[in-house]
Amino acid sequence: MLRRKLFLEEPFLPDHSLNRMQSEGDVASARNGFLTRRFRNLDYLLASRFGWMNGYIKEGWRVIEIGAGAGFSEFYLKQRPVLTDVVANPWIDAPLDALNMALQDGSVDCIIASHNIHHFASPHRFFTECERVLKPGGYLLVQEINTSLAARALLRLMRHEGWSYRVDVFDERAVANDPSDPWSANCAVPELLFERAELFEKAFPSLKIERNRKCEFLIFPLSGGVISKARVPELPRWVLKVADAVDHALIRLFPDLFAMGRSVAIRKTG
């Protein structure tokens, strides 16, 4: 079990009609807007989210991104992944259901999942599928939200997505989100999965967590949002670097208060 939260522990699951962000789910608009302007704050955030993954991807590997959405990863990874999603868009290479992957056993070297596991109806099903399709020695690279106090406060303010710690993510029968709504979200899911590595590795014996780092405080809200948007001023790169340095210091000292993100590298051992 997670440590009991001091504040904002009770479930908060806002209706979409209360969302204060704009353009929820409009990945085409998000991609086109980014390619047109390359908003500096968002560019900085995305470079941070995907850049670390390059250290795990080997040349010639078969790399698949599930739930690729706007497909931003291709601009930051040294090797372009196969972009997949359940929603067809011109930049998506192939349709793929993350909970029922139409892929052969042991056929993939690396799977990328960025900010989508907290939307899955069954996180347990996703990881059993990863166990099946990954080659031994392959990696699952995850970038996700982390429900620190700051993240919960921001989510409550913007009413964009919610959280509930009352889900047993290691129960294959548990339903974490509405299966009929792809934008249903439980932002507590990544913390429930990864906060205690021993529980994750017990549930999925062939998957071993090799990296589990908390990240992102100021640079997350300063980005203005990846798909859903809020208006923020564009900042000079040096200001973003200063904000990032402050993030590292605060998260190192008080991760439960400030860390709004988490990067996880998981290796298939056998």
C-alpha atoms as a PDB file:
ATOM      1  CA  MET A   1       0.000   0.000   0.000  1.00  0.00           C
ATOM      2  CA  LEU A   2       1.055   3.604  -0.571  1.00  0.00           C
ATOM      3  CA  ARG A   3       1.746   5.873   2.362  1.00  0.00           C
ATOM      4  CA  ARG A   4      -1.391   7.726   3.405  1.00  0.00           C
ATOM      5  CA  LYS A   5      -1.642  11.190   1.852  1.00  0.00           C
ATOM      6  CA  LEU A   6      -1.937  14.160   4.166  1.00  0.00           C
ATOM      7  CA  PHE A   7      -4.026  16.249   1.765  1.00  0.00           C
ATOM      8  CA  LEU A   8      -6.280  15.620  -1.232  1.00  0.00           C
ATOM      9  CA  GLU A   9      -6.302  11.858  -0.781  1.00  0.00           C
ATOM     10  CA  GLU A  10      -9.984  11.254  -1.489  1.00  0.00           C
ATOM     11  CA  PRO A  11     -10.946  10.335  -5.066  1.00  0.00           C
ATOM     12  CA  PHE A  12     -11.443  13.238  -7.446  1.00  0.00           C
ATOM     13  CA  LEU A  13     -12.938  12.237 -10.790  1.00  0.00           C
ATOM     14  CA  PRO A  14     -14.289  15.348 -12.550  1.00  0.00           C
ATOM     15  CA  ASP A  15     -16.744  15.199 -15.415  1.00  0.00           C
ATOM     16  CA  HIS A  16     -15.356  16.262 -18.803  1.00  0.00           C
ATOM     17  CA  SER A  17     -17.798  19.192 -18.815  1.00  0.00           C
ATOM     18  CA  LEU A  18     -15.872  20.749 -15.901  1.00  0.00           C
ATOM     19  CA  ASN A  19     -12.513  20.683 -17.703  1.00  0.00           C
ATOM     20  CA  ARG A  20     -10.820  24.104 -17.720  1.00  0.00           C
ATOM     21  CA  MET A  21      -8.284  22.995 -20.328  1.00  0.00           C
ATOM     22  CA  GLN A  22      -9.021  23.497 -24.021  1.00  0.00           C
ATOM     23  CA  SER A  23      -9.069  20.998 -26.908  1.00  0.00           C
ATOM     24  CA  GLU A  24      -9.204  17.789 -24.868  1.00  0.00           C
ATOM     25  CA  GLY A  25      -8.364  14.860 -27.127  1.00  0.00           C
ATOM     26  CA  ASP A  26      -7.729  16.973 -30.249  1.00  0.00           C
ATOM     27  CA  VAL A  27      -4.379  15.422 -31.179  1.00  0.00           C
ATOM     28  CA  ALA A  28      -4.493  16.742 -34.755  1.00  0.00           C
ATOM     29  CA  SER A  29      -4.767  20.341 -33.574  1.00  0.00           C
ATOM     30  CA  ALA A  30      -1.995  19.754 -31.009  1.00  0.00           C
ATOM     31  CA  ARG A  31       0.357  18.322 -33.632  1.00  0.00           C
ATOM     32  CA  ASN A  32      -0.391  20.918 -36.292  1.00  0.00           C
ATOM     33  CA  GLY A  33      -0.039  23.770 -33.826  1.00  0.00           C
ATOM     34  CA  PHE A  34       3.284  22.448 -32.575  1.00  0.00           C
ATOM     35  CA  LEU A  35       4.713  21.936 -36.071  1.00  0.00           C
ATOM     36  CA  THR A  36       3.603  25.433 -37.076  1.00  0.00           C
ATOM     37  CA  ARG A  37       5.014  27.258 -34.085  1.00  0.00           C
ATOM     38  CA  ARG A  38       7.222  24.840 -32.087  1.00  0.00           C
ATOM     39  CA  PHE A  39       6.221  26.504 -28.830  1.00  0.00           C
ATOM     40  CA  ARG A  40       9.452  26.702 -26.833  1.00  0.00           C
ATOM     41  CA  ASN A  41       8.026  25.733 -23.430  1.00  0.00           C
ATOM     42  CA  LEU A  42       6.394  22.591 -24.800  1.00  0.00           C
ATOM     43  CA  ASP A  43       9.450  21.736 -26.887  1.00  0.00           C
ATOM     44  CA  TYR A  44      11.552  21.842 -23.711  1.00  0.00           C
ATOM     45  CA  LEU A  45       9.142  19.562 -21.851  1.00  0.00           C
ATOM     46  CA  LEU A  46       8.909  17.024 -24.684  1.00  0.00           C
ATOM     47  CA  ALA A  47      12.688  16.926 -25.102  1.00  0.00           C
ATOM     48  CA  SER A  48      12.918  16.067 -21.404  1.00  0.00           C
ATOM     49  CA  ARG A  49      10.197  13.424 -21.604  1.00  0.00           C
ATOM     50  CA  PHE A  50      11.632  11.549 -24.569  1.00  0.00           C
ATOM     51  CA  GLY A  51      15.346  12.392 -24.540  1.00  0.00           C
ATOM     52  CA  TRP A  52      16.267  10.028 -21.698  1.00  0.00           C
ATOM     53  CA  MET A  53      14.834   7.096 -23.667  1.00  0.00           C
ATOM     54  CA  ASN A  54      17.617   7.319 -26.270  1.00  0.00           C
ATOM     55  CA  GLY A  55      20.006   5.789 -23.743  1.00  0.00           C
ATOM     56  CA  TYR A  56      18.030   2.526 -23.764  1.00  0.00           C
ATOM     57  CA  ILE A  57      17.263   2.129 -27.479  1.00  0.00           C
ATOM     58  CA  LYS A  58      19.840   0.270 -29.584  1.00  0.00           C
ATOM     59  CA  GLU A  59      20.377   0.843 -33.284  1.00  0.00           C
ATOM     60  CA  GLY A  60      18.329  -1.510 -35.434  1.00  0.00           C
ATOM     61  CA  TRP A  61      15.813  -2.353 -32.737  1.00  0.00           C
ATOM     62  CA  ARG A  62      12.141  -2.718 -33.514  1.00  0.00           C
ATOM     63  CA  VAL A  63      10.640   0.109 -31.454  1.00  0.00           C
ATOM     64  CA  ILE A  64       6.880   0.577 -31.123  1.00  0.00           C
ATOM     65  CA  GLU A  65       5.099   3.430 -29.413  1.00  0.00           C
ATOM     66  CA  ILE A  66       1.635   2.556 -28.186  1.00  0.00           C
ATOM     67  CA  GLY A  67      -0.999   5.267 -27.843  1.00  0.00           C
ATOM     68  CA  ALA A  68       1.238   7.640 -29.792  1.00  0.00           C
ATOM     69  CA  GLY A  69      -1.434  10.357 -29.954  1.00  0.00           C
ATOM     70  CA  ALA A  70       0.088  13.409 -31.635  1.00  0.00           C
ATOM     71  CA  GLY A  71       3.270  11.453 -32.428  1.00  0.00           C
ATOM     72  CA  PHE A  72       5.681  13.908 -30.813  1.00  0.00           C
ATOM     73  CA  SER A  73       8.219  11.199 -29.943  1.00  0.00           C
ATOM     74  CA  GLU A  74       9.528  11.031 -33.508  1.00  0.00           C
ATOM     75  CA  PHE A  75      11.006  14.533 -33.114  1.00  0.00           C
ATOM     76  CA  TYR A  76      13.093  13.603 -30.053  1.00  0.00           C
ATOM     77  CA  LEU A  77      14.147   9.969 -30.462  1.00  0.00           C
ATOM     78  CA  LYS A  78      17.277   9.152 -32.464  1.00  0.00           C
ATOM     79  CA  GLN A  79      15.445   6.215 -34.033  1.00  0.00           C
ATOM     80  CA  ARG A  80      11.887   6.824 -35.202  1.00  0.00           C
ATOM     81  CA  PRO A  81       9.492   4.367 -33.568  1.00  0.00           C
ATOM     82  CA  VAL A  82       6.549   2.722 -35.267  1.00  0.00           C
ATOM     83  CA  LEU A  83       3.723   5.024 -34.173  1.00  0.00           C
ATOM     84  CA  THR A  84       0.561   3.134 -33.215  1.00  0.00           C
ATOM     85  CA  ASP A  85      -2.793   4.119 -31.762  1.00  0.00           C
ATOM     86  CA  VAL A  86      -6.414   3.015 -31.663  1.00  0.00           C
ATOM     87  CA  VAL A  87      -7.332   6.255 -33.482  1.00  0.00           C
ATOM     88  CA  ALA A  88      -6.232   6.604 -37.111  1.00  0.00           C
ATOM     89  CA  ASN A  89      -4.354   9.760 -38.091  1.00  0.00           C
ATOM     90  CA  PRO A  90      -2.069  10.485 -41.065  1.00  0.00           C
ATOM     91  CA  TRP A  91       1.126  10.222 -38.993  1.00  0.00           C
ATOM     92  CA  ILE A  92       0.086   6.958 -37.273  1.00  0.00           C
ATOM     93  CA  ASP A  93       1.790   3.956 -38.887  1.00  0.00           C
ATOM     94  CA  ALA A  94      -0.533   1.199 -37.699  1.00  0.00           C
ATOM     95  CA  PRO A  95      -3.617   0.635 -35.539  1.00  0.00           C
ATOM     96  CA  LEU A  96      -2.886  -1.147 -32.272  1.00  0.00           C
ATOM     97  CA  ASP A  97      -4.866  -1.816 -29.112  1.00  0.00           C
ATOM     98  CA  ALA A  98      -2.482  -1.615 -26.151  1.00  0.00           C
ATOM     99  CA  LEU A  99      -4.599  -4.116 -24.204  1.00  0.00           C
ATOM    100  CA  ASN A 100      -4.772  -6.635 -27.016  1.00  0.00           C
ATOM    101  CA  MET A 101      -1.708  -6.157 -29.197  1.00  0.00           C
ATOM    102  CA  ALA A 102      -1.894  -7.783 -32.610  1.00  0.00           C
ATOM    103  CA  LEU A 103       1.801  -8.674 -32.401  1.00  0.00           C
ATOM    104  CA  GLN A 104       3.630 -11.980 -32.260  1.00  0.00           C
ATOM    105  CA  ASP A 105       5.170 -13.236 -29.028  1.00  0.00           C
ATOM    106  CA  GLY A 106       8.717 -11.953 -28.478  1.00  0.00           C
ATOM    107  CA  SER A 107       8.652  -9.764 -31.594  1.00  0.00           C
ATOM    108  CA  VAL A 108       9.437  -6.287 -30.210  1.00  0.00           C
ATOM    109  CA  ASP A 109      12.695  -4.892 -28.831  1.00  0.00           C
ATOM    110  CA  CYS A 110      11.255  -1.782 -27.208  1.00  0.00           C
ATOM    111  CA  ILE A 111       7.807  -0.435 -26.324  1.00  0.00           C
ATOM    112  CA  ILE A 112       7.267   3.240 -25.528  1.00  0.00           C
ATOM    113  CA  ALA A 113       4.298   4.401 -23.453  1.00  0.00           C
ATOM    114  CA  SER A 114       4.065   8.135 -22.787  1.00  0.00           C
ATOM    115  CA  HIS A 115       1.260   9.503 -20.624  1.00  0.00           C
ATOM    116  CA  ASN A 116      -1.295   6.888 -21.567  1.00  0.00           C
ATOM    117  CA  ILE A 117      -1.177   4.095 -18.964  1.00  0.00           C
ATOM    118  CA  HIS A 118      -3.299   6.220 -16.612  1.00  0.00           C
ATOM    119  CA  HIS A 119      -6.029   6.129 -19.290  1.00  0.00           C
ATOM    120  CA  PHE A 120      -6.134   2.326 -19.650  1.00  0.00           C
ATOM    121  CA  ALA A 121      -9.166   0.433 -18.392  1.00  0.00           C
ATOM    122  CA  SER A 122      -6.859  -2.427 -17.339  1.00  0.00           C
ATOM    123  CA  PRO A 123      -3.212  -1.535 -16.633  1.00  0.00           C
ATOM    124  CA  HIS A 124      -2.687  -5.168 -15.592  1.00  0.00           C
ATOM    125  CA  ARG A 125      -3.701  -6.358 -19.062  1.00  0.00           C
ATOM    126  CA  PHE A 126      -1.283  -3.914 -20.682  1.00  0.00           C
ATOM    127  CA  PHE A 127       1.711  -5.223 -18.745  1.00  0.00           C
ATOM    128  CA  THR A 128       0.851  -8.869 -19.402  1.00  0.00           C
ATOM    129  CA  GLU A 129       0.733  -7.975 -23.098  1.00  0.00           C
ATOM    130  CA  CYS A 130       4.154  -6.310 -22.794  1.00  0.00           C
ATOM    131  CA  GLU A 131       5.511  -9.459 -21.147  1.00  0.00           C
ATOM    132  CA  ARG A 132       4.250 -11.433 -24.106  1.00  0.00           C
ATOM    133  CA  VAL A 133       5.437  -9.308 -27.054  1.00  0.00           C
ATOM    134  CA  LEU A 134       8.804  -8.050 -25.740  1.00  0.00           C
ATOM    135  CA  LYS A 135      11.970  -9.952 -26.564  1.00  0.00           C
ATOM    136  CA  PRO A 136      14.169 -11.036 -23.639  1.00  0.00           C
ATOM    137  CA  GLY A 137      16.431  -8.084 -22.874  1.00  0.00           C
ATOM    138  CA  GLY A 138      13.964  -5.669 -24.462  1.00  0.00           C
ATOM    139  CA  TYR A 139      12.621  -2.577 -22.729  1.00  0.00           C
ATOM    140  CA  LEU A 140       9.354  -0.918 -21.876  1.00  0.00           C
ATOM    141  CA  LEU A 141      10.032   2.824 -21.515  1.00  0.00           C
ATOM    142  CA  VAL A 142       7.358   4.732 -19.620  1.00  0.00           C
ATOM    143  CA  GLN A 143       6.857   8.448 -19.073  1.00  0.00           C
ATOM    144  CA  GLU A 144       3.888   9.167 -16.824  1.00  0.00           C
ATOM    145  CA  ILE A 145       2.231  11.580 -14.453  1.00  0.00           C
ATOM    146  CA  ASN A 146       2.954  11.328 -10.722  1.00  0.00           C
ATOM    147  CA  THR A 147       0.309  12.402  -8.227  1.00  0.00           C
ATOM    148  CA  SER A 148       2.390  14.481  -5.862  1.00  0.00           C
ATOM    149  CA  LEU A 149       0.559  17.064  -3.782  1.00  0.00           C
ATOM    150  CA  ALA A 150       1.386  19.717  -6.403  1.00  0.00           C
ATOM    151  CA  ALA A 151       0.025  17.533  -9.202  1.00  0.00           C
ATOM    152  CA  ARG A 152      -3.209  16.804  -7.331  1.00  0.00           C
ATOM    153  CA  ALA A 153      -3.663  20.497  -6.577  1.00  0.00           C
ATOM    154  CA  LEU A 154      -3.124  21.393 -10.249  1.00  0.00           C
ATOM    155  CA  LEU A 155      -5.513  18.668 -11.420  1.00  0.00           C
ATOM    156  CA  ARG A 156      -8.153  19.883  -8.994  1.00  0.00           C
ATOM    157  CA  LEU A 157      -7.681  23.482 -10.123  1.00  0.00           C
ATOM    158  CA  MET A 158      -7.915  22.694 -13.849  1.00  0.00           C
ATOM    159  CA  ARG A 159     -10.434  19.826 -13.483  1.00  0.00           C
ATOM    160  CA  HIS A 160      -8.759  18.181 -16.454  1.00  0.00           C
ATOM    161  CA  GLU A 161      -8.226  14.690 -15.062  1.00  0.00           C
ATOM    162  CA  GLY A 162      -8.682  13.076 -11.681  1.00  0.00           C
ATOM    163  CA  TRP A 163      -7.362  10.372  -9.409  1.00  0.00           C
ATOM    164  CA  SER A 164      -8.395   7.524  -7.157  1.00  0.00           C
ATOM    165  CA  TYR A 165      -6.089   5.411  -5.016  1.00  0.00           C
ATOM    166  CA  ARG A 166      -8.888   2.884  -4.492  1.00  0.00           C
ATOM    167  CA  VAL A 167      -7.938   0.660  -7.417  1.00  0.00           C
ATOM    168  CA  ASP A 168      -5.916  -2.538  -7.093  1.00  0.00           C
ATOM    169  CA  VAL A 169      -3.792  -2.173 -10.216  1.00  0.00           C
ATOM    170  CA  PHE A 170      -2.303  -5.641  -9.659  1.00  0.00           C
ATOM    171  CA  ASP A 171      -5.714  -7.332  -9.840  1.00  0.00           C
ATOM    172  CA  GLU A 172      -6.369  -8.518 -13.386  1.00  0.00           C
ATOM    173  CA  ARG A 173     -10.105  -8.070 -12.824  1.00  0.00           C
ATOM    174  CA  ALA A 174      -9.859  -4.458 -11.632  1.00  0.00           C
ATOM    175  CA  VAL A 175     -11.213  -1.678 -13.851  1.00  0.00           C
ATOM    176  CA  ALA A 176      -9.182   1.521 -13.519  1.00  0.00           C
ATOM    177  CA  ASN A 177     -11.030   3.634 -16.103  1.00  0.00           C
ATOM    178  CA  ASP A 178     -14.190   3.659 -18.205  1.00  0.00           C
ATOM    179  CA  PRO A 179     -13.544   1.177 -21.063  1.00  0.00           C
ATOM    180  CA  SER A 180     -15.911   3.113 -23.356  1.00  0.00           C
ATOM    181  CA  ASP A 181     -14.132   6.458 -22.882  1.00  0.00           C
ATOM    182  CA  PRO A 182     -10.518   6.642 -24.157  1.00  0.00           C
ATOM    183  CA  TRP A 183     -10.010   9.943 -22.314  1.00  0.00           C
ATOM    184  CA  SER A 184     -11.183   8.609 -18.971  1.00  0.00           C
ATOM    185  CA  ALA A 185      -8.247   9.052 -16.595  1.00  0.00           C
ATOM    186  CA  ASN A 186      -7.031   7.931 -13.184  1.00  0.00           C
ATOM    187  CA  CYS A 187      -3.770   9.758 -12.601  1.00  0.00           C
ATOM    188  CA  ALA A 188      -3.030   7.738  -9.449  1.00  0.00           C
ATOM    189  CA  VAL A 189      -2.430   4.584 -11.519  1.00  0.00           C
ATOM    190  CA  PRO A 190       1.307   5.178 -12.272  1.00  0.00           C
ATOM    191  CA  GLU A 191       2.053   5.844  -8.609  1.00  0.00           C
ATOM    192  CA  LEU A 192       0.132   2.727  -7.592  1.00  0.00           C
ATOM    193  CA  LEU A 193       2.100   0.696 -10.141  1.00  0.00           C
ATOM    194  CA  PHE A 194       5.628   1.974  -9.615  1.00  0.00           C
ATOM    195  CA  GLU A 195       5.985   3.453  -6.128  1.00  0.00           C
ATOM    196  CA  ARG A 196       6.911   0.032  -4.731  1.00  0.00           C
ATOM    197  CA  ALA A 197       8.954  -1.826  -7.329  1.00  0.00           C
ATOM    198  CA  GLU A 198       8.747  -5.107  -5.426  1.00  0.00           C
ATOM    199  CA  LEU A 199       4.964  -5.212  -5.832  1.00  0.00           C
ATOM    200  CA  PHE A 200       5.202  -4.536  -9.556  1.00  0.00           C
ATOM    201  CA  GLU A 201       7.878  -7.197 -10.098  1.00  0.00           C
ATOM    202  CA  LYS A 202       5.908  -9.740  -8.074  1.00  0.00           C
ATOM    203  CA  ALA A 203       2.850  -9.155 -10.261  1.00  0.00           C
ATOM    204  CA  PHE A 204       4.839  -9.266 -13.519  1.00  0.00           C
ATOM    205  CA  PRO A 205       7.738 -11.666 -12.863  1.00  0.00           C
ATOM    206  CA  SER A 206       9.550 -11.225 -16.187  1.00  0.00           C
ATOM    207  CA  LEU A 207       9.630  -7.423 -15.937  1.00  0.00           C
ATOM    208  CA  LYS A 208      12.319  -5.702 -13.861  1.00  0.00           C
ATOM    209  CA  ILE A 209      12.356  -1.966 -13.099  1.00  0.00           C
ATOM    210  CA  GLU A 210      15.810  -0.529 -13.818  1.00  0.00           C
ATOM    211  CA  ARG A 211      14.976   3.184 -13.705  1.00  0.00           C
ATOM    212  CA  ASN A 212      12.272   4.805 -11.597  1.00  0.00           C
ATOM    213  CA  ARG A 213      12.818   8.551 -11.337  1.00  0.00           C
ATOM    214  CA  LYS A 214      10.454  11.310 -10.325  1.00  0.00           C
ATOM    215  CA  CYS A 215      10.631  14.492 -12.343  1.00  0.00           C
ATOM    216  CA  GLU A 216       8.801  17.613 -13.603  1.00  0.00           C
ATOM    217  CA  PHE A 217       7.454  20.344 -11.388  1.00  0.00           C
ATOM    218  CA  LEU A 218       7.511  23.844 -12.895  1.00  0.00           C
ATOM    219  CA  ILE A 219       8.264  22.752 -16.458  1.00  0.00           C
ATOM    220  CA  PHE A 220       5.018  20.755 -16.600  1.00  0.00           C
ATOM    221  CA  PRO A 221       2.503  23.614 -16.092  1.00  0.00           C
ATOM    222  CA  LEU A 222       4.783  26.056 -17.921  1.00  0.00           C
ATOM    223  CA  SER A 223       4.406  23.906 -21.058  1.00  0.00           C
ATOM    224  CA  GLY A 224       0.759  24.911 -21.322  1.00  0.00           C
ATOM    225  CA  GLY A 225      -0.238  21.289 -21.887  1.00  0.00           C
ATOM    226  CA  VAL A 226       0.638  18.700 -24.525  1.00  0.00           C
ATOM    227  CA  ILE A 227      -2.774  17.903 -26.025  1.00  0.00           C
ATOM    228  CA  SER A 228      -5.222  19.839 -23.849  1.00  0.00           C
ATOM    229  CA  LYS A 229      -4.133  23.452 -23.589  1.00  0.00           C
ATOM    230  CA  ALA A 230      -4.011  26.370 -21.170  1.00  0.00           C
ATOM    231  CA  ARG A 231      -2.629  29.777 -22.136  1.00  0.00           C
ATOM    232  CA  VAL A 232       0.894  30.464 -20.826  1.00  0.00           C
ATOM    233  CA  PRO A 233       3.589  32.931 -21.961  1.00  0.00           C
ATOM    234  CA  GLU A 234       6.464  31.643 -24.078  1.00  0.00           C
ATOM    235  CA  LEU A 235       9.691  31.822 -22.073  1.00  0.00           C
ATOM    236  CA  PRO A 236      13.361  32.144 -23.096  1.00  0.00           C
ATOM    237  CA  ARG A 237      15.254  28.888 -23.016  1.00  0.00           C
ATOM    238  CA  TRP A 238      17.503  30.094 -20.203  1.00  0.00           C
ATOM    239  CA  VAL A 239      14.440  30.690 -18.000  1.00  0.00           C
ATOM    240  CA  LEU A 240      13.222  27.161 -18.744  1.00  0.00           C
ATOM    241  CA  LYS A 241      16.645  25.792 -17.801  1.00  0.00           C
ATOM    242  CA  VAL A 242      16.519  27.683 -14.500  1.00  0.00           C
ATOM    243  CA  ALA A 243      13.024  26.314 -13.833  1.00  0.00           C
ATOM    244  CA  ASP A 244      14.285  22.819 -14.621  1.00  0.00           C
ATOM    245  CA  ALA A 245      17.200  23.231 -12.191  1.00  0.00           C
ATOM    246  CA  VAL A 246      14.781  24.362  -9.482  1.00  0.00           C
ATOM    247  CA  ASP A 247      12.644  21.307 -10.280  1.00  0.00           C
ATOM    248  CA  HIS A 248      15.576  18.939  -9.787  1.00  0.00           C
ATOM    249  CA  ALA A 249      16.451  20.496  -6.436  1.00  0.00           C
ATOM    250  CA  LEU A 250      12.910  20.523  -5.057  1.00  0.00           C
ATOM    251  CA  ILE A 251      12.111  17.012  -6.261  1.00  0.00           C
ATOM    252  CA  ARG A 252      15.319  15.627  -4.781  1.00  0.00           C
ATOM    253  CA  LEU A 253      14.383  17.142  -1.399  1.00  0.00           C
ATOM    254  CA  PHE A 254      10.592  16.750  -1.400  1.00  0.00           C
ATOM    255  CA  PRO A 255       9.424  14.348  -4.124  1.00  0.00           C
ATOM    256  CA  ASP A 256       6.010  13.700  -2.569  1.00  0.00           C
ATOM    257  CA  LEU A 257       5.277  17.412  -2.668  1.00  0.00           C
ATOM    258  CA  PHE A 258       6.596  18.461  -6.068  1.00  0.00           C
ATOM    259  CA  ALA A 259       7.219  15.602  -8.544  1.00  0.00           C
ATOM    260  CA  MET A 260       4.516  15.730 -11.231  1.00  0.00           C
ATOM    261  CA  GLY A 261       6.159  13.186 -13.516  1.00  0.00           C
ATOM    262  CA  ARG A 262       7.880   9.821 -13.438  1.00  0.00           C
ATOM    263  CA  SER A 263      10.210   8.109 -15.934  1.00  0.00           C
ATOM    264  CA  VAL A 264      10.476   4.329 -15.741  1.00  0.00           C
ATOM    265  CA  ALA A 265      12.634   1.872 -17.689  1.00  0.00           C
ATOM    266  CA  ILE A 266      11.504  -1.766 -17.407  1.00  0.00           C
ATOM    267  CA  ARG A 267      13.548  -4.663 -18.812  1.00  0.00           C
ATOM    268  CA  LYS A 268      12.139  -7.998 -19.963  1.00  0.00           C
ATOM    269  CA  THR A 269      14.326 -10.549 -18.216  1.00  0.00           C
ATOM    270  CA  GLY A 270      13.174 -13.821 -19.680  1.00  0.00           C
END
